[in-house]
PDB file of N, CA and C in Angstrom:
ATOM      1  N   UNK A   1     115.845  61.234 175.506  1.00  0.00           N
ATOM      2  CA  UNK A   1     117.242  61.557 175.729  1.00  0.00           C
ATOM      3  C   UNK A   1     117.533  60.896 177.214  1.00  0.00           C
ATOM      4  N   UNK A   2     118.676  60.562 177.331  1.00  0.00           N
ATOM      5  CA  UNK A   2     118.951  60.157 178.708  1.00  0.00           C
ATOM      6  C   UNK A   2     119.138  61.279 179.764  1.00  0.00           C
ATOM      7  N   UNK A   3     118.818  61.162 180.851  1.00  0.00           N
ATOM      8  CA  UNK A   3     119.015  62.334 181.756  1.00  0.00           C
ATOM      9  C   UNK A   3     120.169  62.281 182.581  1.00  0.00           C
ATOM     10  N   UNK A   4     120.650  61.006 182.842  1.00  0.00           N
ATOM     11  CA  UNK A   4     122.166  60.702 183.465  1.00  0.00           C
ATOM     12  C   UNK A   4     123.119  60.634 182.449  1.00  0.00           C
ATOM     13  N   UNK A   5     124.361  60.872 182.940  1.00  0.00           N
ATOM     14  CA  UNK A   5     125.280  60.525 182.041  1.00  0.00           C
ATOM     15  C   UNK A   5     125.821  59.424 182.243  1.00  0.00           C
ATOM     16  N   UNK A   6     125.648  58.372 181.211  1.00  0.00           N
ATOM     17  CA  UNK A   6     126.200  57.138 181.216  1.00  0.00           C
ATOM     18  C   UNK A   6     127.146  56.587 179.964  1.00  0.00           C
ATOM     19  N   UNK A   7     127.699  55.764 180.000  1.00  0.00           N
ATOM     20  CA  UNK A   7     128.770  55.480 179.044  1.00  0.00           C
ATOM     21  C   UNK A   7     128.025  55.234 177.528  1.00  0.00           C
ATOM     22  N   UNK A   8     126.847  54.868 177.733  1.00  0.00           N
ATOM     23  CA  UNK A   8     126.189  54.684 176.212  1.00  0.00           C
ATOM     24  C   UNK A   8     125.381  55.917 175.661  1.00  0.00           C
ATOM     25  N   UNK A   9     125.562  56.930 176.514  1.00  0.00           N
ATOM     26  CA  UNK A   9     124.904  58.518 176.043  1.00  0.00           C
ATOM     27  C   UNK A   9     125.870  58.939 174.910  1.00  0.00           C
ATOM     28  N   UNK A  10     125.347  59.105 173.562  1.00  0.00           N
ATOM     29  CA  UNK A  10     125.918  59.718 172.648  1.00  0.00           C
ATOM     30  C   UNK A  10     126.635  61.024 172.732  1.00  0.00           C
ATOM     31  N   UNK A  11     127.682  61.370 172.354  1.00  0.00           N
ATOM     32  CA  UNK A  11     128.409  62.805 172.691  1.00  0.00           C
ATOM     33  C   UNK A  11     127.500  63.807 172.113  1.00  0.00           C
ATOM     34  N   UNK A  12     126.791  63.749 171.062  1.00  0.00           N
ATOM     35  CA  UNK A  12     126.074  64.905 170.726  1.00  0.00           C
ATOM     36  C   UNK A  12     124.761  64.977 171.610  1.00  0.00           C
ATOM     37  N   UNK A  13     124.091  64.134 172.128  1.00  0.00           N
ATOM     38  CA  UNK A  13     123.034  63.986 172.933  1.00  0.00           C
ATOM     39  C   UNK A  13     123.386  64.959 174.258  1.00  0.00           C
ATOM     40  N   UNK A  14     124.814  64.403 174.744  1.00  0.00           N
ATOM     41  CA  UNK A  14     125.384  65.107 175.871  1.00  0.00           C
ATOM     42  C   UNK A  14     125.353  66.441 175.633  1.00  0.00           C
ATOM     43  N   UNK A  15     126.159  66.882 174.622  1.00  0.00           N
ATOM     44  CA  UNK A  15     126.367  68.286 174.495  1.00  0.00           C
ATOM     45  C   UNK A  15     124.829  69.124 173.845  1.00  0.00           C
ATOM     46  N   UNK A  16     124.159  68.490 173.352  1.00  0.00           N
ATOM     47  CA  UNK A  16     122.780  69.234 173.145  1.00  0.00           C
ATOM     48  C   UNK A  16     122.247  69.492 174.358  1.00  0.00           C
ATOM     49  N   UNK A  17     122.192  68.799 175.309  1.00  0.00           N
ATOM     50  CA  UNK A  17     121.535  68.928 176.736  1.00  0.00           C
ATOM     51  C   UNK A  17     122.390  69.894 177.576  1.00  0.00           C
ATOM     52  N   UNK A  18     123.771  69.542 177.451  1.00  0.00           N
ATOM     53  CA  UNK A  18     124.665  70.261 178.228  1.00  0.00           C
ATOM     54  C   UNK A  18     125.823  70.941 177.662  1.00  0.00           C
ATOM     55  N   UNK A  19     125.825  72.029 176.849  1.00  0.00           N
ATOM     56  CA  UNK A  19     126.786  72.489 176.101  1.00  0.00           C
ATOM     57  C   UNK A  19     128.148  72.859 176.952  1.00  0.00           C
ATOM     58  N   UNK A  20     127.694  73.097 178.265  1.00  0.00           N
ATOM     59  CA  UNK A  20     128.807  73.687 179.134  1.00  0.00           C
ATOM     60  C   UNK A  20     129.780  72.247 179.345  1.00  0.00           C
ATOM     61  N   UNK A  21     129.418  71.231 179.108  1.00  0.00           N
ATOM     62  CA  UNK A  21     130.378  70.091 179.455  1.00  0.00           C
ATOM     63  C   UNK A  21     131.219  69.845 178.183  1.00  0.00           C
ATOM     64  N   UNK A  22     131.246  70.650 177.151  1.00  0.00           N
ATOM     65  CA  UNK A  22     132.232  70.538 176.398  1.00  0.00           C
ATOM     66  C   UNK A  22     133.654  70.923 176.628  1.00  0.00           C
ATOM     67  N   UNK A  23     133.701  71.784 177.800  1.00  0.00           N
ATOM     68  CA  UNK A  23     134.963  72.120 178.452  1.00  0.00           C
ATOM     69  C   UNK A  23     135.572  71.015 179.024  1.00  0.00           C
ATOM     70  N   UNK A  24     134.660  70.115 179.594  1.00  0.00           N
ATOM     71  CA  UNK A  24     135.382  68.967 180.265  1.00  0.00           C
ATOM     72  C   UNK A  24     135.978  68.060 179.055  1.00  0.00           C
ATOM     73  N   UNK A  25     135.505  67.881 178.029  1.00  0.00           N
ATOM     74  CA  UNK A  25     136.111  67.044 176.848  1.00  0.00           C
ATOM     75  C   UNK A  25     137.155  67.605 176.563  1.00  0.00           C
ATOM     76  N   UNK A  26     137.298  69.139 176.234  1.00  0.00           N
ATOM     77  CA  UNK A  26     138.289  69.717 175.936  1.00  0.00           C
ATOM     78  C   UNK A  26     139.711  69.565 176.646  1.00  0.00           C
ATOM     79  N   UNK A  27     139.357  69.714 178.166  1.00  0.00           N
ATOM     80  CA  UNK A  27     140.460  69.510 179.070  1.00  0.00           C
ATOM     81  C   UNK A  27     141.030  68.170 179.008  1.00  0.00           C
ATOM     82  N   UNK A  28     140.144  67.277 178.516  1.00  0.00           N
ATOM     83  CA  UNK A  28     140.826  65.881 178.439  1.00  0.00           C
ATOM     84  C   UNK A  28     141.178  65.549 176.985  1.00  0.00           C
ATOM     85  N   UNK A  29     141.522  66.480 176.099  1.00  0.00           N
ATOM     86  CA  UNK A  29     141.950  66.441 174.716  1.00  0.00           C
ATOM     87  C   UNK A  29     140.955  65.837 173.755  1.00  0.00           C
ATOM     88  N   UNK A  30     139.746  65.753 174.293  1.00  0.00           N
ATOM     89  CA  UNK A  30     138.773  65.242 173.321  1.00  0.00           C
ATOM     90  C   UNK A  30     137.913  66.196 172.625  1.00  0.00           C
ATOM     91  N   UNK A  31     138.243  66.531 171.325  1.00  0.00           N
ATOM     92  CA  UNK A  31     137.511  67.851 170.934  1.00  0.00           C
ATOM     93  C   UNK A  31     136.126  67.120 170.000  1.00  0.00           C
ATOM     94  N   UNK A  32     135.294  66.544 170.815  1.00  0.00           N
ATOM     95  CA  UNK A  32     134.156  65.705 170.244  1.00  0.00           C
ATOM     96  C   UNK A  32     133.318  66.477 169.407  1.00  0.00           C
ATOM     97  N   UNK A  33     133.152  67.858 169.948  1.00  0.00           N
ATOM     98  CA  UNK A  33     132.071  68.731 169.424  1.00  0.00           C
ATOM     99  C   UNK A  33     132.682  69.127 167.917  1.00  0.00           C
ATOM    100  N   UNK A  34     133.843  68.783 167.554  1.00  0.00           N
ATOM    101  CA  UNK A  34     134.441  69.460 166.090  1.00  0.00           C
ATOM    102  C   UNK A  34     134.298  68.123 165.139  1.00  0.00           C
ATOM    103  N   UNK A  35     134.081  67.017 165.653  1.00  0.00           N
ATOM    104  CA  UNK A  35     133.995  65.652 164.904  1.00  0.00           C
ATOM    105  C   UNK A  35     132.628  65.105 164.576  1.00  0.00           C
ATOM    106  N   UNK A  36     132.627  64.956 163.406  1.00  0.00           N
ATOM    107  CA  UNK A  36     131.330  64.358 162.726  1.00  0.00           C
ATOM    108  C   UNK A  36     130.859  62.989 163.421  1.00  0.00           C
ATOM    109  N   UNK A  37     132.104  62.223 163.795  1.00  0.00           N
ATOM    110  CA  UNK A  37     131.707  60.952 164.575  1.00  0.00           C
ATOM    111  C   UNK A  37     130.917  61.209 166.043  1.00  0.00           C
ATOM    112  N   UNK A  38     130.966  62.545 166.409  1.00  0.00           N
ATOM    113  CA  UNK A  38     130.142  62.726 167.715  1.00  0.00           C
ATOM    114  C   UNK A  38     128.584  62.205 167.706  1.00  0.00           C
ATOM    115  N   UNK A  39     128.229  62.283 166.336  1.00  0.00           N
ATOM    116  CA  UNK A  39     126.711  62.183 166.137  1.00  0.00           C
ATOM    117  C   UNK A  39     126.479  60.410 166.619  1.00  0.00           C
ATOM    118  N   UNK A  40     127.512  59.703 166.490  1.00  0.00           N
ATOM    119  CA  UNK A  40     127.311  58.309 166.521  1.00  0.00           C
ATOM    120  C   UNK A  40     128.138  57.681 167.814  1.00  0.00           C
ATOM    121  N   UNK A  41     129.092  58.308 168.082  1.00  0.00           N
ATOM    122  CA  UNK A  41     129.857  57.749 169.370  1.00  0.00           C
ATOM    123  C   UNK A  41     129.392  58.130 170.562  1.00  0.00           C
ATOM    124  N   UNK A  42     129.477  57.287 171.687  1.00  0.00           N
ATOM    125  CA  UNK A  42     129.168  57.206 172.925  1.00  0.00           C
ATOM    126  C   UNK A  42     130.269  57.930 173.585  1.00  0.00           C
ATOM    127  N   UNK A  43     129.749  58.341 174.842  1.00  0.00           N
ATOM    128  CA  UNK A  43     130.876  58.843 175.825  1.00  0.00           C
ATOM    129  C   UNK A  43     131.993  57.647 175.874  1.00  0.00           C
ATOM    130  N   UNK A  44     131.314  56.515 176.244  1.00  0.00           N
ATOM    131  CA  UNK A  44     132.541  55.404 176.495  1.00  0.00           C
ATOM    132  C   UNK A  44     133.499  55.008 175.245  1.00  0.00           C
ATOM    133  N   UNK A  45     132.696  55.149 174.083  1.00  0.00           N
ATOM    134  CA  UNK A  45     133.681  54.924 172.772  1.00  0.00           C
ATOM    135  C   UNK A  45     134.704  56.379 172.624  1.00  0.00           C
ATOM    136  N   UNK A  46     134.154  57.472 172.880  1.00  0.00           N
ATOM    137  CA  UNK A  46     135.275  58.784 172.891  1.00  0.00           C
ATOM    138  C   UNK A  46     136.185  58.464 174.154  1.00  0.00           C
ATOM    139  N   UNK A  47     135.795  57.950 175.194  1.00  0.00           N
ATOM    140  CA  UNK A  47     136.845  58.000 176.085  1.00  0.00           C
ATOM    141  C   UNK A  47     138.045  56.906 175.605  1.00  0.00           C
ATOM    142  N   UNK A  48     137.533  55.787 174.962  1.00  0.00           N
ATOM    143  CA  UNK A  48     138.609  54.778 174.533  1.00  0.00           C
ATOM    144  C   UNK A  48     139.333  55.339 173.475  1.00  0.00           C
ATOM    145  N   UNK A  49     138.731  56.176 172.601  1.00  0.00           N
ATOM    146  CA  UNK A  49     139.482  56.521 171.419  1.00  0.00           C
ATOM    147  C   UNK A  49     140.508  57.399 171.730  1.00  0.00           C
ATOM    148  N   UNK A  50     140.318  58.314 173.094  1.00  0.00           N
ATOM    149  CA  UNK A  50     141.328  59.218 173.473  1.00  0.00           C
ATOM    150  C   UNK A  50     142.113  58.786 174.564  1.00  0.00           C
ATOM    151  N   UNK A  51     141.825  57.522 174.982  1.00  0.00           N
ATOM    152  CA  UNK A  51     143.022  56.922 175.763  1.00  0.00           C
ATOM    153  C   UNK A  51     142.519  57.432 177.312  1.00  0.00           C
ATOM    154  N   UNK A  52     141.279  57.598 177.595  1.00  0.00           N
ATOM    155  CA  UNK A  52     140.854  57.950 178.693  1.00  0.00           C
ATOM    156  C   UNK A  52     140.168  56.937 179.600  1.00  0.00           C
ATOM    157  N   UNK A  53     140.190  57.101 180.894  1.00  0.00           N
ATOM    158  CA  UNK A  53     139.264  56.127 181.723  1.00  0.00           C
ATOM    159  C   UNK A  53     137.787  56.442 181.545  1.00  0.00           C
ATOM    160  N   UNK A  54     137.198  55.525 181.141  1.00  0.00           N
ATOM    161  CA  UNK A  54     135.540  55.694 181.096  1.00  0.00           C
ATOM    162  C   UNK A  54     134.893  56.239 182.375  1.00  0.00           C
ATOM    163  N   UNK A  55     135.354  55.741 183.345  1.00  0.00           N
ATOM    164  CA  UNK A  55     134.664  55.978 184.475  1.00  0.00           C
ATOM    165  C   UNK A  55     135.183  57.364 185.227  1.00  0.00           C
ATOM    166  N   UNK A  56     136.388  57.717 185.176  1.00  0.00           N
ATOM    167  CA  UNK A  56     136.853  58.879 185.244  1.00  0.00           C
ATOM    168  C   UNK A  56     136.433  59.978 184.451  1.00  0.00           C
ATOM    169  N   UNK A  57     136.033  60.027 183.119  1.00  0.00           N
ATOM    170  CA  UNK A  57     135.663  60.966 182.355  1.00  0.00           C
ATOM    171  C   UNK A  57     134.213  61.139 182.905  1.00  0.00           C
ATOM    172  N   UNK A  58     133.321  60.039 183.030  1.00  0.00           N
ATOM    173  CA  UNK A  58     131.930  60.141 183.441  1.00  0.00           C
ATOM    174  C   UNK A  58     131.780  60.959 184.808  1.00  0.00           C
ATOM    175  N   UNK A  59     132.983  60.578 185.686  1.00  0.00           N
ATOM    176  CA  UNK A  59     132.852  61.338 187.173  1.00  0.00           C
ATOM    177  C   UNK A  59     132.930  62.836 186.861  1.00  0.00           C
ATOM    178  N   UNK A  60     133.986  63.170 185.971  1.00  0.00           N
ATOM    179  CA  UNK A  60     134.037  64.479 185.699  1.00  0.00           C
ATOM    180  C   UNK A  60     132.904  65.337 184.930  1.00  0.00           C
ATOM    181  N   UNK A  61     132.317  64.617 183.970  1.00  0.00           N
ATOM    182  CA  UNK A  61     131.187  65.140 183.470  1.00  0.00           C
ATOM    183  C   UNK A  61     130.120  65.256 184.666  1.00  0.00           C
ATOM    184  N   UNK A  62     129.770  64.337 185.079  1.00  0.00           N
ATOM    185  CA  UNK A  62     128.775  64.529 186.191  1.00  0.00           C
ATOM    186  C   UNK A  62     129.036  65.558 187.297  1.00  0.00           C
ATOM    187  N   UNK A  63     130.223  65.869 187.609  1.00  0.00           N
ATOM    188  CA  UNK A  63     130.537  66.600 188.470  1.00  0.00           C
ATOM    189  C   UNK A  63     130.343  68.041 188.123  1.00  0.00           C
ATOM    190  N   UNK A  64     130.649  68.302 186.703  1.00  0.00           N
ATOM    191  CA  UNK A  64     130.482  69.538 185.960  1.00  0.00           C
ATOM    192  C   UNK A  64     129.203  69.967 185.790  1.00  0.00           C
ATOM    193  N   UNK A  65     128.407  68.875 185.479  1.00  0.00           N
ATOM    194  CA  UNK A  65     126.844  68.881 185.214  1.00  0.00           C
ATOM    195  C   UNK A  65     126.065  69.403 186.474  1.00  0.00           C
ATOM    196  N   UNK A  66     126.617  68.938 187.691  1.00  0.00           N
ATOM    197  CA  UNK A  66     125.999  69.423 188.810  1.00  0.00           C
ATOM    198  C   UNK A  66     126.375  70.584 189.462  1.00  0.00           C
ATOM    199  N   UNK A  67     127.404  71.312 189.039  1.00  0.00           N
ATOM    200  CA  UNK A  67     127.982  72.409 189.825  1.00  0.00           C
ATOM    201  C   UNK A  67     127.522  73.791 188.930  1.00  0.00           C
TER     202      UNK A  67
END
């Protein structure tokens, strides 16, 4: 599993390691933890599907992870 939050990280891998980051996704209107596609979709794909800036979402996830 990737340690860093990168665009290629799968959503479910992210949430398995850092369940608290679910709130960041929810604040951005991405309820990925409730979607079966989260097993396959990456952070980048989720951002694009939800009309979010990939780098901004990653920045938010990284900030929440380190707090």
